[in-house]
Amino acid sequence: MRSPSVLRLLILSVPLLIVGCGGSDSAPTSSQTPSDSVRRDVEQSIASLNEMRESLSATIDTSAVDKRTFKRVCAPVGKRARQLGADRGWEVQQLATKYRNPAHEPDAEARRLHEEFVTSPELTERWIRTTRSGHEGWRYARRITVQPSCLACHGPKDERPAFVKKDYPEDRAYGFEDGDLRGIYAVFVPDTSTGDAF
């Protein structure tokens, strides 16, 4: 016969087992997102970066796309992302499986996040807890959606501007349609930059 203390332990363990069996599809809890202040700062910063991208892309004259268009439209977004990372102590990237520049190829974790956006078109953003280069922290991903003007460079393969074909011989960033998933913004926020230890 079991002693009362063993029986009591078993009874108390059952609710913990039930709670612990919740799948990854369960609603986010405080342990699945950073503090409100960190979350707001990251989400608002990336929303602002995305608004900048959309505003600049709306200025593209699709009949006259050349290197100057890239310098005027695409380059400032990358520059702002780097500055945002430097100012905040974050790693801010624009990543895509169909990349033009190999520097934008996603790592394995970002590739898994990208796939979540592919399989769940309604998903706009996602937080995960992770470790990068030995540092614990949070990684935020947000969808980048193709705008109509983006198709001047990212539409049919044969219709890409000459400078793209010449400068990016390994280009994969074509064949998109308006509204497609272009890639993701990926932001790593180390705990050391927030004081938001887990």
Protein backbone atom coordinates (compact mmCIF):
# COMPACT_ATOMS: atom_id res chain seq x y z
CA MET A 1 0.00 0.00 0.00
CA ARG A 2 1.27 3.49 -0.89
CA SER A 3 1.99 5.91 1.88
CA PRO A 4 -0.27 8.99 2.13
CA SER A 5 2.62 11.30 1.19
CA VAL A 6 3.28 9.43 -2.09
CA LEU A 7 -0.42 9.45 -2.92
CA ARG A 8 -0.62 13.18 -2.13
CA LEU A 9 2.41 13.81 -4.37
CA LEU A 10 0.77 11.94 -7.26
CA ILE A 11 -2.47 13.88 -6.86
CA LEU A 12 -0.62 17.21 -6.81
CA SER A 13 1.45 16.24 -9.88
CA VAL A 14 -1.50 15.53 -12.19
CA PRO A 15 -2.53 19.21 -12.69
CA LEU A 16 1.10 20.11 -13.43
CA LEU A 17 1.30 17.38 -16.05
CA ILE A 18 -1.91 18.57 -17.67
CA VAL A 19 -0.73 22.19 -17.77
CA GLY A 20 2.70 21.14 -19.03
CA CYS A 21 1.19 19.25 -21.97
CA GLY A 22 -0.14 22.40 -23.65
CA GLY A 23 1.15 22.55 -27.24
CA SER A 24 3.04 25.38 -28.90
CA ASP A 25 -0.24 26.52 -30.47
CA SER A 26 -1.52 27.71 -27.10
CA ALA A 27 -1.99 31.44 -26.56
CA PRO A 28 1.19 33.33 -25.71
CA THR A 29 1.94 33.71 -22.02
CA SER A 30 4.24 36.16 -20.31
CA SER A 31 7.03 33.60 -20.74
CA GLN A 32 6.52 33.61 -24.53
CA THR A 33 7.00 37.34 -25.03
CA PRO A 34 9.34 39.88 -23.44
CA SER A 35 8.21 42.61 -21.07
CA ASP A 36 5.60 45.01 -22.43
CA SER A 37 8.10 47.86 -22.76
CA VAL A 38 10.57 45.76 -24.79
CA ARG A 39 7.81 44.26 -26.90
CA ARG A 40 6.30 47.67 -27.67
CA ASP A 41 9.69 49.20 -28.50
CA VAL A 42 10.61 46.42 -30.93
CA GLU A 43 7.20 46.13 -32.57
CA GLN A 44 6.80 49.90 -33.01
CA SER A 45 10.36 50.28 -34.33
CA ILE A 46 9.89 47.56 -36.93
CA ALA A 47 6.41 48.84 -37.86
CA SER A 48 8.04 52.23 -38.50
CA LEU A 49 10.78 50.59 -40.59
CA ASN A 50 8.15 48.74 -42.61
CA GLU A 51 6.17 51.96 -43.16
CA MET A 52 9.36 53.56 -44.46
CA ARG A 53 9.86 50.65 -46.87
CA GLU A 54 6.27 50.86 -48.13
CA SER A 55 6.41 54.67 -48.51
CA LEU A 56 9.68 54.56 -50.44
CA SER A 57 8.53 51.69 -52.66
CA ALA A 58 5.41 53.69 -53.57
CA THR A 59 7.70 56.32 -55.18
CA ILE A 60 9.18 53.88 -57.71
CA ASP A 61 8.68 54.81 -61.35
CA THR A 62 8.30 51.27 -62.67
CA SER A 63 9.17 52.40 -66.21
CA ALA A 64 12.62 53.67 -65.20
CA VAL A 65 14.19 51.37 -62.62
CA ASP A 66 17.99 51.45 -62.33
CA LYS A 67 20.74 51.50 -59.70
CA ARG A 68 19.64 54.96 -58.59
CA THR A 69 16.23 53.51 -57.74
CA PHE A 70 17.90 50.95 -55.49
CA LYS A 71 19.98 53.65 -53.77
CA ARG A 72 16.91 55.83 -53.26
CA VAL A 73 14.40 53.16 -52.24
CA CYS A 74 16.00 49.97 -50.91
CA ALA A 75 19.31 51.13 -49.47
CA PRO A 76 17.80 53.59 -46.94
CA VAL A 77 15.73 50.81 -45.38
CA GLY A 78 18.81 48.64 -44.86
CA LYS A 79 20.70 51.62 -43.47
CA ARG A 80 17.88 52.42 -41.05
CA ALA A 81 17.74 48.77 -39.92
CA ARG A 82 21.48 48.79 -39.17
CA GLN A 83 21.19 52.10 -37.31
CA LEU A 84 18.26 50.81 -35.28
CA GLY A 85 20.32 47.80 -34.25
CA ALA A 86 23.33 49.94 -33.34
CA ASP A 87 21.23 52.40 -31.33
CA ARG A 88 19.35 49.74 -29.36
CA GLY A 89 21.88 46.92 -29.07
CA TRP A 90 19.73 44.67 -31.24
CA GLU A 91 20.51 42.61 -34.33
CA VAL A 92 18.08 43.77 -37.04
CA GLN A 93 17.97 41.83 -40.31
CA GLN A 94 15.86 41.57 -43.45
CA LEU A 95 15.86 37.90 -44.43
CA ALA A 96 14.29 35.84 -47.20
CA THR A 97 14.57 32.35 -48.60
CA LYS A 98 14.31 33.93 -52.06
CA TYR A 99 17.09 36.44 -51.47
CA ARG A 100 18.91 38.69 -53.90
CA ASN A 101 21.94 39.37 -51.73
CA PRO A 102 23.38 36.24 -50.04
CA ALA A 103 23.83 38.31 -46.86
CA HIS A 104 20.04 38.13 -46.51
CA GLU A 105 19.88 34.35 -46.50
CA PRO A 106 18.16 33.20 -43.30
CA ASP A 107 19.88 31.07 -40.68
CA ALA A 108 18.17 27.80 -39.70
CA GLU A 109 16.06 29.39 -36.97
CA ALA A 110 14.96 32.29 -39.21
CA ARG A 111 14.17 29.79 -41.97
CA ARG A 112 11.79 27.99 -39.57
CA LEU A 113 10.19 31.31 -38.65
CA HIS A 114 9.88 32.22 -42.35
CA GLU A 115 8.15 28.89 -42.97
CA GLU A 116 5.58 29.71 -40.27
CA PHE A 117 4.63 32.83 -42.23
CA VAL A 118 4.40 30.76 -45.44
CA THR A 119 2.08 28.19 -43.88
CA SER A 120 0.04 30.78 -41.94
CA PRO A 121 -0.66 33.73 -44.28
CA GLU A 122 -2.66 35.49 -41.54
CA LEU A 123 0.41 35.55 -39.24
CA THR A 124 1.99 39.01 -39.13
CA GLU A 125 4.50 38.68 -36.30
CA ARG A 126 6.03 36.15 -33.93
CA TRP A 127 8.23 36.14 -30.80
CA ILE A 128 10.46 33.27 -29.69
CA ARG A 129 12.91 32.76 -26.85
CA THR A 130 16.36 31.84 -28.17
CA THR A 131 20.13 31.95 -27.80
CA ARG A 132 22.38 33.52 -30.45
CA SER A 133 26.18 33.56 -30.30
CA GLY A 134 26.02 32.50 -26.66
CA HIS A 135 23.60 35.28 -25.65
CA GLU A 136 20.08 34.58 -24.41
CA GLY A 137 17.29 36.83 -25.55
CA TRP A 138 14.19 37.26 -27.66
CA ARG A 139 13.83 37.03 -31.42
CA TYR A 140 11.04 38.87 -33.14
CA ALA A 141 9.93 38.20 -36.71
CA ARG A 142 7.55 40.29 -38.79
CA ARG A 143 6.19 39.61 -42.26
CA ILE A 144 7.44 41.66 -45.23
CA THR A 145 4.73 41.83 -47.88
CA VAL A 146 5.33 42.50 -51.58
CA GLN A 147 3.87 45.83 -52.73
CA PRO A 148 2.79 46.36 -56.37
CA SER A 149 5.76 48.65 -57.10
CA CYS A 150 8.19 45.99 -55.80
CA LEU A 151 7.36 43.90 -58.85
CA ALA A 152 9.50 46.18 -61.03
CA CYS A 153 12.52 44.32 -59.60
CA HIS A 154 10.91 41.26 -58.01
CA GLY A 155 8.34 40.21 -60.62
CA PRO A 156 8.97 37.81 -63.53
CA LYS A 157 12.58 36.66 -63.88
CA ASP A 158 12.97 37.87 -67.48
CA GLU A 159 11.60 41.33 -66.64
CA ARG A 160 14.16 42.20 -63.96
CA PRO A 161 16.19 45.37 -64.62
CA ALA A 162 19.51 44.87 -66.40
CA PHE A 163 21.56 45.98 -63.39
CA VAL A 164 19.94 43.28 -61.23
CA LYS A 165 20.73 40.56 -63.76
CA LYS A 166 24.32 41.82 -64.03
CA ASP A 167 25.10 42.55 -60.36
CA TYR A 168 23.27 39.59 -58.82
CA PRO A 169 23.97 36.50 -60.94
CA GLU A 170 22.72 34.20 -58.16
CA ASP A 171 19.52 36.23 -57.67
CA ARG A 172 16.55 34.28 -56.28
CA ALA A 173 14.31 37.26 -55.47
CA TYR A 174 11.92 37.15 -58.41
CA GLY A 175 8.63 35.57 -59.41
CA PHE A 176 6.62 37.38 -56.73
CA GLU A 177 3.10 38.74 -57.00
CA ASP A 178 1.43 41.60 -55.14
CA GLY A 179 0.70 40.55 -51.55
CA ASP A 180 3.16 37.65 -51.47
CA LEU A 181 5.46 37.04 -48.53
CA ARG A 182 8.73 38.71 -49.55
CA GLY A 183 10.63 37.80 -46.38
CA ILE A 184 10.83 38.73 -42.72
CA TYR A 185 12.32 41.33 -40.47
CA ALA A 186 14.22 39.37 -37.82
CA VAL A 187 15.24 41.18 -34.63
CA PHE A 188 17.33 39.59 -31.89
CA VAL A 189 17.07 41.42 -28.57
CA PRO A 190 19.67 40.09 -26.12
CA ASP A 191 18.73 40.17 -22.46
CA THR A 192 21.84 42.27 -21.85
CA SER A 193 20.33 45.10 -23.92
CA THR A 194 17.07 45.16 -21.96
CA GLY A 195 17.74 44.08 -18.40
CA ASP A 196 14.79 41.82 -19.15
CA ALA A 197 16.30 38.57 -17.88
CA PHE A 198 14.08 35.56 -18.34
